[in-house]
N, C-alpha and C. Protein backbone atom coordinates (compact mmCIF):
# COMPACT_ATOMS: atom_id res chain seq x y z
N UNK A 1 -10.11 15.27 18.96
CA UNK A 1 -10.07 15.38 17.66
C UNK A 1 -8.38 15.99 17.45
N UNK A 2 -7.46 15.35 16.81
CA UNK A 2 -6.30 15.64 16.45
C UNK A 2 -6.33 16.89 15.57
N UNK A 3 -5.08 17.75 15.71
CA UNK A 3 -4.99 18.91 14.88
C UNK A 3 -4.97 18.43 13.36
N UNK A 4 -4.16 17.37 13.27
CA UNK A 4 -4.15 16.81 11.69
C UNK A 4 -5.42 16.31 11.25
N UNK A 5 -6.07 15.64 11.99
CA UNK A 5 -7.34 15.12 11.39
C UNK A 5 -8.21 16.47 11.28
N UNK A 6 -8.26 17.41 12.08
CA UNK A 6 -9.04 18.64 11.66
C UNK A 6 -8.77 19.33 10.37
N UNK A 7 -7.37 19.48 10.05
CA UNK A 7 -6.90 20.12 8.93
C UNK A 7 -7.48 19.16 7.77
N UNK A 8 -7.46 17.83 7.91
CA UNK A 8 -7.76 16.72 7.01
C UNK A 8 -9.15 17.12 6.51
N UNK A 9 -10.21 17.31 7.66
CA UNK A 9 -11.49 17.45 7.48
C UNK A 9 -11.91 18.70 6.91
N UNK A 10 -11.14 19.78 7.04
CA UNK A 10 -11.05 21.23 6.41
C UNK A 10 -10.66 21.42 5.19
N UNK A 11 -9.63 20.44 4.60
CA UNK A 11 -9.36 20.47 3.14
C UNK A 11 -10.37 20.55 2.15
N UNK A 12 -10.16 21.20 0.88
CA UNK A 12 -11.07 21.04 -0.18
C UNK A 12 -11.22 19.69 -0.74
N UNK A 13 -12.47 19.30 -1.34
CA UNK A 13 -12.60 18.13 -1.36
C UNK A 13 -11.58 17.31 -2.38
N UNK A 14 -11.14 17.97 -3.44
CA UNK A 14 -10.06 17.43 -4.46
C UNK A 14 -8.82 17.02 -3.64
N UNK A 15 -8.39 18.24 -2.77
CA UNK A 15 -7.23 17.84 -1.87
C UNK A 15 -7.32 16.82 -1.13
N UNK A 16 -8.27 16.69 -0.58
CA UNK A 16 -8.55 15.32 0.39
C UNK A 16 -8.29 14.18 -0.30
N UNK A 17 -9.18 14.06 -1.50
CA UNK A 17 -9.10 13.05 -2.24
C UNK A 17 -7.77 12.68 -2.66
N UNK A 18 -7.10 13.82 -3.38
CA UNK A 18 -5.61 13.53 -3.59
C UNK A 18 -4.48 13.01 -2.56
N UNK A 19 -4.91 13.41 -1.48
CA UNK A 19 -4.10 12.87 -0.26
C UNK A 19 -4.35 11.52 0.05
N UNK A 20 -5.63 10.88 0.01
CA UNK A 20 -5.95 9.82 0.11
C UNK A 20 -5.77 8.84 -0.94
N UNK A 21 -5.63 9.34 -2.27
CA UNK A 21 -5.26 8.34 -3.32
C UNK A 21 -3.65 8.51 -3.22
N UNK A 22 -3.10 9.17 -2.68
CA UNK A 22 -1.68 9.06 -2.42
C UNK A 22 -1.26 7.77 -1.60
N UNK A 23 -2.20 7.45 -0.58
CA UNK A 23 -2.09 6.33 0.10
C UNK A 23 -2.40 5.13 -0.54
N UNK A 24 -3.33 5.23 -1.18
CA UNK A 24 -4.04 4.14 -2.15
C UNK A 24 -4.64 4.17 -3.52
N UNK A 25 -3.80 4.07 -4.50
CA UNK A 25 -4.21 4.55 -5.81
C UNK A 25 -5.61 3.89 -6.44
N UNK A 26 -6.66 4.22 -5.93
CA UNK A 26 -8.01 3.87 -6.49
C UNK A 26 -8.98 5.21 -6.03
N UNK A 27 -9.06 5.65 -7.28
CA UNK A 27 -10.15 7.12 -7.18
C UNK A 27 -11.34 6.90 -6.21
N UNK A 28 -12.20 5.75 -6.53
CA UNK A 28 -13.38 5.50 -5.98
C UNK A 28 -13.15 5.33 -4.43
N UNK A 29 -12.22 4.66 -3.99
CA UNK A 29 -12.07 4.68 -2.51
C UNK A 29 -11.53 5.91 -2.16
N UNK A 30 -10.78 6.55 -2.79
CA UNK A 30 -10.36 7.94 -2.23
C UNK A 30 -11.64 8.98 -2.18
N UNK A 31 -12.31 8.90 -3.06
CA UNK A 31 -13.58 9.86 -3.07
C UNK A 31 -14.53 9.08 -2.06
N UNK A 32 -14.74 8.07 -1.92
CA UNK A 32 -15.66 7.62 -0.86
C UNK A 32 -15.09 7.88 0.63
N UNK A 33 -13.79 7.98 0.88
CA UNK A 33 -13.34 8.09 2.22
C UNK A 33 -13.45 9.66 2.39
N UNK A 34 -13.07 10.43 1.35
CA UNK A 34 -13.14 11.93 1.62
C UNK A 34 -14.49 12.42 1.73
N UNK A 35 -15.35 11.92 0.90
CA UNK A 35 -16.75 12.31 1.07
C UNK A 35 -17.49 11.99 2.46
N UNK A 36 -16.81 11.16 3.19
CA UNK A 36 -17.17 10.83 4.62
C UNK A 36 -16.86 12.04 5.59
N UNK A 37 -16.25 13.27 5.27
CA UNK A 37 -15.62 13.80 6.04
C UNK A 37 -16.81 14.89 6.66
N UNK A 38 -16.98 15.41 7.56
CA UNK A 38 -15.89 15.37 8.59
C UNK A 38 -15.80 14.39 9.85
N UNK A 39 -14.53 13.67 10.00
CA UNK A 39 -14.57 12.75 10.79
C UNK A 39 -14.40 13.27 12.29
N UNK A 40 -15.04 12.44 13.15
CA UNK A 40 -15.07 12.91 14.56
C UNK A 40 -13.83 12.68 15.35
N UNK A 41 -13.39 11.24 14.92
CA UNK A 41 -11.84 11.04 15.48
C UNK A 41 -11.43 9.89 14.39
N UNK A 42 -10.26 9.67 14.64
CA UNK A 42 -9.59 8.67 13.65
C UNK A 42 -10.07 7.32 13.58
N UNK A 43 -10.75 6.68 14.70
CA UNK A 43 -11.63 5.58 14.51
C UNK A 43 -12.43 5.50 13.49
N UNK A 44 -13.27 6.73 13.58
CA UNK A 44 -14.12 6.84 12.49
C UNK A 44 -13.93 7.03 11.21
N UNK A 45 -12.79 7.73 10.91
CA UNK A 45 -12.01 7.57 9.65
C UNK A 45 -11.63 6.00 9.02
N UNK A 46 -10.91 5.63 10.19
CA UNK A 46 -10.39 4.15 9.80
C UNK A 46 -11.67 3.17 9.40
N UNK A 47 -12.89 3.30 10.03
CA UNK A 47 -13.99 2.54 9.89
C UNK A 47 -14.37 2.78 8.62
N UNK A 48 -14.77 4.01 8.06
CA UNK A 48 -15.15 4.40 6.79
C UNK A 48 -14.17 3.87 5.62
N UNK A 49 -12.91 4.02 6.00
CA UNK A 49 -11.81 3.74 5.03
C UNK A 49 -11.80 2.07 4.77
N UNK A 50 -12.03 1.46 5.83
CA UNK A 50 -12.30 -0.23 5.83
C UNK A 50 -13.61 -0.42 5.00
N UNK A 51 -14.78 0.30 5.51
CA UNK A 51 -15.77 -0.04 4.50
C UNK A 51 -15.59 0.31 3.18
N UNK A 52 -15.04 1.20 2.87
CA UNK A 52 -14.94 1.60 1.38
C UNK A 52 -13.96 0.37 1.08
N UNK A 53 -13.18 -0.02 1.64
CA UNK A 53 -12.08 -1.09 1.10
C UNK A 53 -12.86 -2.37 0.85
N UNK A 54 -13.84 -2.66 1.75
CA UNK A 54 -14.63 -3.83 1.65
C UNK A 54 -15.29 -3.86 0.20
N UNK A 55 -15.69 -2.72 -0.09
CA UNK A 55 -16.41 -2.58 -1.49
C UNK A 55 -15.71 -2.65 -2.90
N UNK A 56 -14.51 -2.83 -2.70
CA UNK A 56 -13.53 -2.99 -3.86
C UNK A 56 -13.56 -4.51 -4.37
N UNK A 57 -13.38 -4.38 -5.55
CA UNK A 57 -13.26 -5.64 -6.19
C UNK A 57 -11.92 -6.17 -6.75
N UNK A 58 -11.57 -7.43 -7.05
CA UNK A 58 -10.04 -7.59 -7.47
C UNK A 58 -9.63 -6.96 -8.45
N UNK A 59 -10.39 -6.44 -9.63
CA UNK A 59 -9.92 -5.54 -10.62
C UNK A 59 -9.64 -4.38 -9.99
N UNK A 60 -10.18 -3.33 -8.97
CA UNK A 60 -9.83 -2.39 -8.41
C UNK A 60 -8.23 -2.70 -7.67
N UNK A 61 -8.08 -3.81 -6.95
CA UNK A 61 -6.82 -4.13 -6.11
C UNK A 61 -5.71 -4.09 -7.38
N UNK A 62 -5.93 -4.91 -8.43
CA UNK A 62 -4.92 -4.85 -9.45
C UNK A 62 -4.67 -3.52 -10.07
N UNK A 63 -5.59 -2.69 -10.41
CA UNK A 63 -5.19 -1.53 -10.81
C UNK A 63 -4.28 -0.70 -9.85
N UNK A 64 -4.68 -0.60 -8.54
CA UNK A 64 -3.82 -0.04 -7.44
C UNK A 64 -2.66 -0.73 -7.07
N UNK A 65 -2.34 -1.92 -7.64
CA UNK A 65 -1.13 -2.53 -7.57
C UNK A 65 -0.20 -1.76 -8.36
N UNK A 66 -0.39 -1.60 -9.58
CA UNK A 66 0.42 -1.01 -10.73
C UNK A 66 1.02 0.32 -10.04
N UNK A 67 0.40 1.09 -8.89
CA UNK A 67 0.99 2.27 -8.53
C UNK A 67 2.14 1.83 -7.63
N UNK A 68 2.83 0.76 -7.24
CA UNK A 68 3.76 0.41 -6.43
C UNK A 68 4.97 -0.01 -7.04
N UNK A 69 5.94 0.59 -6.76
CA UNK A 69 7.22 -0.06 -7.47
C UNK A 69 7.77 -1.45 -6.81
N UNK A 70 8.42 -1.98 -7.73
CA UNK A 70 8.93 -3.32 -7.09
C UNK A 70 9.64 -3.27 -5.92
N UNK A 71 9.68 -4.34 -4.93
CA UNK A 71 10.49 -4.21 -3.81
C UNK A 71 11.97 -3.98 -4.28
N UNK A 72 12.62 -2.95 -3.59
CA UNK A 72 14.02 -2.66 -3.91
C UNK A 72 14.29 -1.75 -4.97
N UNK A 73 13.21 -1.24 -5.62
CA UNK A 73 13.38 -0.24 -6.84
C UNK A 73 12.53 1.00 -6.35
N UNK A 74 12.79 1.95 -6.91
CA UNK A 74 12.21 3.19 -6.64
C UNK A 74 11.11 3.59 -7.41
N UNK A 75 10.40 4.45 -7.44
CA UNK A 75 9.22 4.68 -8.25
C UNK A 75 7.73 4.83 -7.61
N UNK A 76 6.64 4.42 -8.33
CA UNK A 76 5.45 4.38 -8.06
C UNK A 76 4.80 5.68 -8.04
N UNK A 77 3.59 5.86 -7.53
CA UNK A 77 2.76 7.04 -7.48
C UNK A 77 3.01 7.79 -6.25
N UNK A 78 3.99 7.20 -5.40
CA UNK A 78 4.27 7.84 -4.00
C UNK A 78 5.46 7.61 -3.77
N UNK A 79 6.34 8.08 -4.70
CA UNK A 79 7.78 7.67 -4.42
C UNK A 79 8.35 7.86 -3.22
N UNK A 80 8.33 9.07 -2.70
CA UNK A 80 8.93 9.33 -1.25
C UNK A 80 8.48 8.35 -0.23
N UNK A 81 7.18 8.14 -0.13
CA UNK A 81 6.64 7.12 0.55
C UNK A 81 7.09 5.62 0.54
N UNK A 82 7.14 5.27 -0.50
CA UNK A 82 7.81 3.99 -0.93
C UNK A 82 8.97 3.84 -0.25
N UNK A 83 9.89 5.01 -0.48
CA UNK A 83 11.40 4.88 -0.07
C UNK A 83 11.31 4.63 1.23
N UNK A 84 10.61 5.37 2.03
CA UNK A 84 10.46 5.28 3.37
C UNK A 84 10.17 4.08 3.94
N UNK A 85 9.10 3.29 3.34
CA UNK A 85 8.62 1.89 3.76
C UNK A 85 9.61 1.06 3.28
N UNK A 86 10.34 0.91 2.27
CA UNK A 86 11.48 0.22 1.89
C UNK A 86 12.77 0.63 2.38
N UNK A 87 12.94 1.32 3.46
CA UNK A 87 14.29 1.63 4.03
C UNK A 87 15.10 0.38 4.42
N UNK A 88 14.57 -0.57 4.89
CA UNK A 88 15.32 -1.77 5.44
C UNK A 88 15.69 -2.52 4.17
N UNK A 89 15.29 -2.54 3.01
CA UNK A 89 15.56 -3.17 2.02
C UNK A 89 16.93 -2.44 1.40
N UNK A 90 16.99 -1.38 1.49
CA UNK A 90 18.25 -0.49 0.96
C UNK A 90 19.39 -0.87 1.69
N UNK A 91 19.38 -1.34 2.70
CA UNK A 91 20.57 -1.85 3.36
C UNK A 91 21.06 -3.19 3.19
N UNK A 92 20.31 -3.85 2.58
CA UNK A 92 20.75 -5.13 2.15
C UNK A 92 21.82 -5.42 1.02
N UNK A 93 22.62 -6.70 1.22
CA UNK A 93 23.77 -6.94 0.50
C UNK A 93 23.29 -6.98 -1.05
N UNK A 94 24.34 -6.65 -1.88
CA UNK A 94 24.28 -6.89 -3.26
C UNK A 94 23.49 -8.19 -3.65
N UNK A 95 23.79 -9.19 -2.92
CA UNK A 95 23.38 -10.47 -3.28
C UNK A 95 21.83 -10.45 -3.25
N UNK A 96 21.54 -10.17 -2.12
CA UNK A 96 20.23 -10.15 -1.66
C UNK A 96 19.37 -9.20 -2.39
N UNK A 97 19.85 -8.00 -2.74
CA UNK A 97 19.39 -7.30 -3.78
C UNK A 97 18.91 -7.89 -5.09
N UNK A 98 20.03 -8.54 -5.63
CA UNK A 98 19.90 -9.28 -7.15
C UNK A 98 18.99 -10.37 -7.06
N UNK A 99 18.73 -11.31 -5.58
CA UNK A 99 17.74 -12.27 -5.58
C UNK A 99 16.60 -11.50 -5.51
N UNK A 100 16.26 -10.38 -4.81
CA UNK A 100 15.01 -9.71 -4.80
C UNK A 100 14.35 -9.34 -6.26
N UNK A 101 15.63 -8.79 -7.12
CA UNK A 101 15.26 -8.55 -8.40
C UNK A 101 14.74 -9.86 -9.28
N UNK A 102 15.54 -10.74 -9.27
CA UNK A 102 15.18 -12.02 -9.93
C UNK A 102 13.87 -12.42 -9.63
N UNK A 103 13.60 -12.61 -8.13
CA UNK A 103 12.24 -13.29 -7.87
C UNK A 103 11.08 -12.17 -8.04
N UNK A 104 11.31 -11.05 -7.71
CA UNK A 104 10.26 -10.13 -8.53
C UNK A 104 9.80 -10.26 -9.86
N UNK A 105 10.59 -10.60 -10.42
CA UNK A 105 10.23 -10.68 -12.32
C UNK A 105 9.58 -12.19 -12.25
N UNK A 106 10.08 -13.30 -11.44
CA UNK A 106 9.55 -14.50 -11.42
C UNK A 106 7.95 -14.43 -10.95
N UNK A 107 7.79 -13.66 -9.80
CA UNK A 107 6.86 -13.51 -9.23
C UNK A 107 5.51 -12.88 -10.31
N UNK A 108 6.31 -11.82 -10.98
CA UNK A 108 5.07 -11.07 -11.73
C UNK A 108 4.87 -11.84 -13.01
N UNK A 109 5.80 -12.77 -13.63
CA UNK A 109 5.40 -13.66 -14.69
C UNK A 109 4.36 -14.73 -14.03
N UNK A 110 4.45 -15.06 -12.89
CA UNK A 110 3.52 -16.15 -12.35
C UNK A 110 2.04 -15.63 -12.13
N UNK A 111 2.11 -14.21 -11.42
CA UNK A 111 0.91 -13.64 -10.70
C UNK A 111 0.40 -12.51 -11.75
N UNK A 112 1.42 -11.73 -12.63
CA UNK A 112 0.81 -10.63 -13.43
C UNK A 112 0.87 -9.50 -12.91
N UNK A 113 1.04 -9.31 -11.88
CA UNK A 113 1.13 -8.11 -10.87
C UNK A 113 2.62 -7.96 -9.89
N UNK A 114 2.85 -6.80 -9.37
CA UNK A 114 3.93 -6.84 -8.75
C UNK A 114 3.62 -7.39 -7.28
N UNK A 115 4.85 -7.63 -6.71
CA UNK A 115 4.64 -8.42 -5.55
C UNK A 115 4.52 -7.30 -4.29
N UNK A 116 3.33 -7.40 -3.85
CA UNK A 116 3.14 -6.44 -2.49
C UNK A 116 3.26 -7.01 -1.18
N UNK A 117 3.94 -6.23 -0.36
CA UNK A 117 4.20 -6.70 0.92
C UNK A 117 4.34 -5.50 1.70
N UNK A 118 3.65 -5.19 3.01
CA UNK A 118 4.10 -4.10 3.69
C UNK A 118 5.41 -4.18 4.35
N UNK A 119 6.35 -3.41 3.92
CA UNK A 119 7.84 -3.61 3.85
C UNK A 119 8.19 -2.89 5.03
N UNK A 120 7.63 -1.77 5.49
CA UNK A 120 8.02 -0.88 6.70
C UNK A 120 8.42 -1.85 7.84
N UNK A 121 9.75 -1.47 8.31
CA UNK A 121 10.13 -2.44 9.28
C UNK A 121 10.93 -3.73 9.15
N UNK A 122 10.65 -4.11 7.88
CA UNK A 122 11.14 -5.37 7.45
C UNK A 122 12.64 -5.35 6.64
N UNK A 123 13.40 -6.47 7.13
CA UNK A 123 14.80 -6.49 6.37
C UNK A 123 14.23 -7.09 4.79
N UNK A 124 15.45 -6.85 4.20
CA UNK A 124 15.37 -7.47 2.85
C UNK A 124 15.28 -8.81 2.65
N UNK A 125 15.96 -9.54 3.70
CA UNK A 125 15.87 -11.04 3.96
C UNK A 125 14.68 -11.76 4.26
N UNK A 126 14.03 -10.71 5.11
CA UNK A 126 12.36 -11.06 5.51
C UNK A 126 11.48 -11.18 4.43
N UNK A 127 11.91 -10.04 3.50
CA UNK A 127 10.79 -9.90 2.34
C UNK A 127 10.91 -11.02 1.50
N UNK A 128 12.35 -11.29 1.27
CA UNK A 128 12.70 -12.01 0.27
C UNK A 128 11.92 -13.57 0.55
N UNK A 129 12.26 -13.87 1.73
CA UNK A 129 11.40 -15.05 2.16
C UNK A 129 9.93 -15.36 2.04
N UNK A 130 9.36 -14.03 2.20
CA UNK A 130 7.96 -14.06 2.13
C UNK A 130 7.67 -14.08 0.77
N UNK A 131 8.23 -13.36 -0.17
CA UNK A 131 8.36 -13.81 -1.56
C UNK A 131 8.30 -14.92 -2.13
N UNK A 132 9.17 -15.65 -1.65
CA UNK A 132 9.61 -17.30 -2.01
C UNK A 132 8.21 -18.03 -1.65
N UNK A 133 7.88 -17.84 -0.32
CA UNK A 133 6.58 -18.80 0.32
C UNK A 133 5.46 -18.33 -0.40
N UNK A 134 5.15 -16.98 -0.99
CA UNK A 134 4.04 -16.64 -1.63
C UNK A 134 3.98 -17.34 -3.13
N UNK A 135 5.24 -17.51 -3.66
CA UNK A 135 5.36 -18.16 -4.88
C UNK A 135 4.53 -19.39 -5.08
N UNK A 136 4.40 -20.18 -3.98
CA UNK A 136 3.70 -21.56 -3.73
C UNK A 136 2.37 -21.09 -3.92
N UNK A 137 1.73 -20.09 -3.70
CA UNK A 137 0.27 -19.72 -3.81
C UNK A 137 -0.36 -20.00 -5.13
N UNK A 138 -1.54 -20.31 -4.91
CA UNK A 138 -2.40 -20.36 -6.32
C UNK A 138 -2.84 -18.93 -6.68
N UNK A 139 -3.03 -18.52 -7.78
CA UNK A 139 -3.20 -17.17 -8.20
C UNK A 139 -4.44 -16.43 -7.34
N UNK A 140 -5.69 -17.22 -7.13
CA UNK A 140 -6.66 -16.43 -6.35
C UNK A 140 -6.06 -16.17 -4.78
N UNK A 141 -5.62 -17.20 -4.46
CA UNK A 141 -4.89 -16.97 -2.87
C UNK A 141 -3.89 -16.12 -2.66
N UNK A 142 -3.07 -15.93 -3.95
CA UNK A 142 -2.20 -14.84 -3.83
C UNK A 142 -2.77 -13.28 -3.93
N UNK A 143 -3.56 -13.21 -4.69
CA UNK A 143 -4.29 -12.03 -5.14
C UNK A 143 -4.84 -11.74 -3.79
N UNK A 144 -5.38 -12.44 -2.89
CA UNK A 144 -6.07 -12.25 -1.48
C UNK A 144 -4.96 -11.66 -0.47
N UNK A 145 -3.84 -12.52 -0.76
CA UNK A 145 -2.82 -12.23 0.28
C UNK A 145 -2.05 -10.83 -0.30
N UNK A 146 -1.97 -10.57 -1.61
CA UNK A 146 -1.33 -9.19 -1.83
C UNK A 146 -2.46 -7.97 -1.47
N UNK A 147 -3.67 -8.39 -1.80
CA UNK A 147 -4.51 -7.29 -1.34
C UNK A 147 -4.55 -7.07 0.28
N UNK A 148 -4.58 -8.02 0.99
CA UNK A 148 -4.44 -7.99 2.37
C UNK A 148 -3.11 -6.94 2.79
N UNK A 149 -1.95 -7.34 2.24
CA UNK A 149 -0.97 -6.55 2.29
C UNK A 149 -1.04 -5.03 1.88
N UNK A 150 -1.81 -4.78 0.76
CA UNK A 150 -2.19 -3.38 0.20
C UNK A 150 -2.97 -2.88 1.46
N UNK A 151 -3.81 -3.62 2.08
CA UNK A 151 -4.91 -2.98 3.06
C UNK A 151 -3.92 -2.60 4.48
N UNK A 152 -3.00 -3.43 4.50
CA UNK A 152 -2.15 -2.72 5.71
C UNK A 152 -1.33 -1.76 5.45
N UNK A 153 -0.77 -1.66 4.15
CA UNK A 153 -0.08 -0.46 3.71
C UNK A 153 -0.87 0.87 3.63
N UNK A 154 -2.16 0.55 3.16
CA UNK A 154 -3.01 1.74 3.27
C UNK A 154 -3.34 2.23 4.73
N UNK A 155 -3.23 1.25 5.37
CA UNK A 155 -3.79 1.78 6.93
C UNK A 155 -2.65 2.44 7.35
N UNK A 156 -1.26 2.02 7.38
CA UNK A 156 -0.07 2.69 7.96
C UNK A 156 0.03 4.01 7.08
N UNK A 157 -0.29 4.38 5.97
CA UNK A 157 -0.20 5.52 5.11
C UNK A 157 -1.13 6.41 5.52
N UNK A 158 -2.42 6.02 5.78
CA UNK A 158 -3.55 6.77 6.57
C UNK A 158 -2.84 7.44 7.75
N UNK A 159 -2.37 6.51 8.85
CA UNK A 159 -1.84 6.98 10.03
C UNK A 159 -0.77 7.93 9.87
N UNK A 160 0.25 7.75 8.97
CA UNK A 160 1.31 8.53 8.60
C UNK A 160 0.67 9.99 8.37
N UNK A 161 -0.41 9.73 7.31
CA UNK A 161 -1.01 11.07 6.78
C UNK A 161 -1.04 11.97 7.98
N UNK A 162 -1.71 11.12 9.07
CA UNK A 162 -2.50 11.99 10.19
C UNK A 162 -1.49 12.12 11.22
N UNK A 163 -0.54 11.70 10.87
CA UNK A 163 0.74 11.91 12.05
C UNK A 163 0.48 10.91 13.33
N UNK A 164 -0.13 9.81 13.02
CA UNK A 164 -0.52 9.18 14.53
C UNK A 164 0.67 8.06 14.77
């Protein structure tokens, strides 16, 4: 067991839940994963996180989506983490950033929630292409795709939290 996981296992319940909530803004998910401690290893933690994720409903996803800033913008409930994840976007040209802003708004008008994509390691141009492609999705398909991206983001944030 890593030192980071051992420290996570030893946290007071509320602190563990708060750390998990910073990675995915759903209190029921965070409480479920926190209550599974102590974890024997990272795989055990990830398995419980996945099981808790599978119990969520679309309304849970939508509430969690609201905790994210738009791509290219700052904020959200974990602004420092979002800033690191979107570092590739910050290097984009003014033209690409303006296009992202406009496309984000069109997306929100069409689907009613922020565009979610696992942005870490992706350029603004890649993200813009993904956003435009996903505009052709029907609402149900898009909700599922956004949730799958949220799942990736959550896993990356868990790994980062445990310094893996």
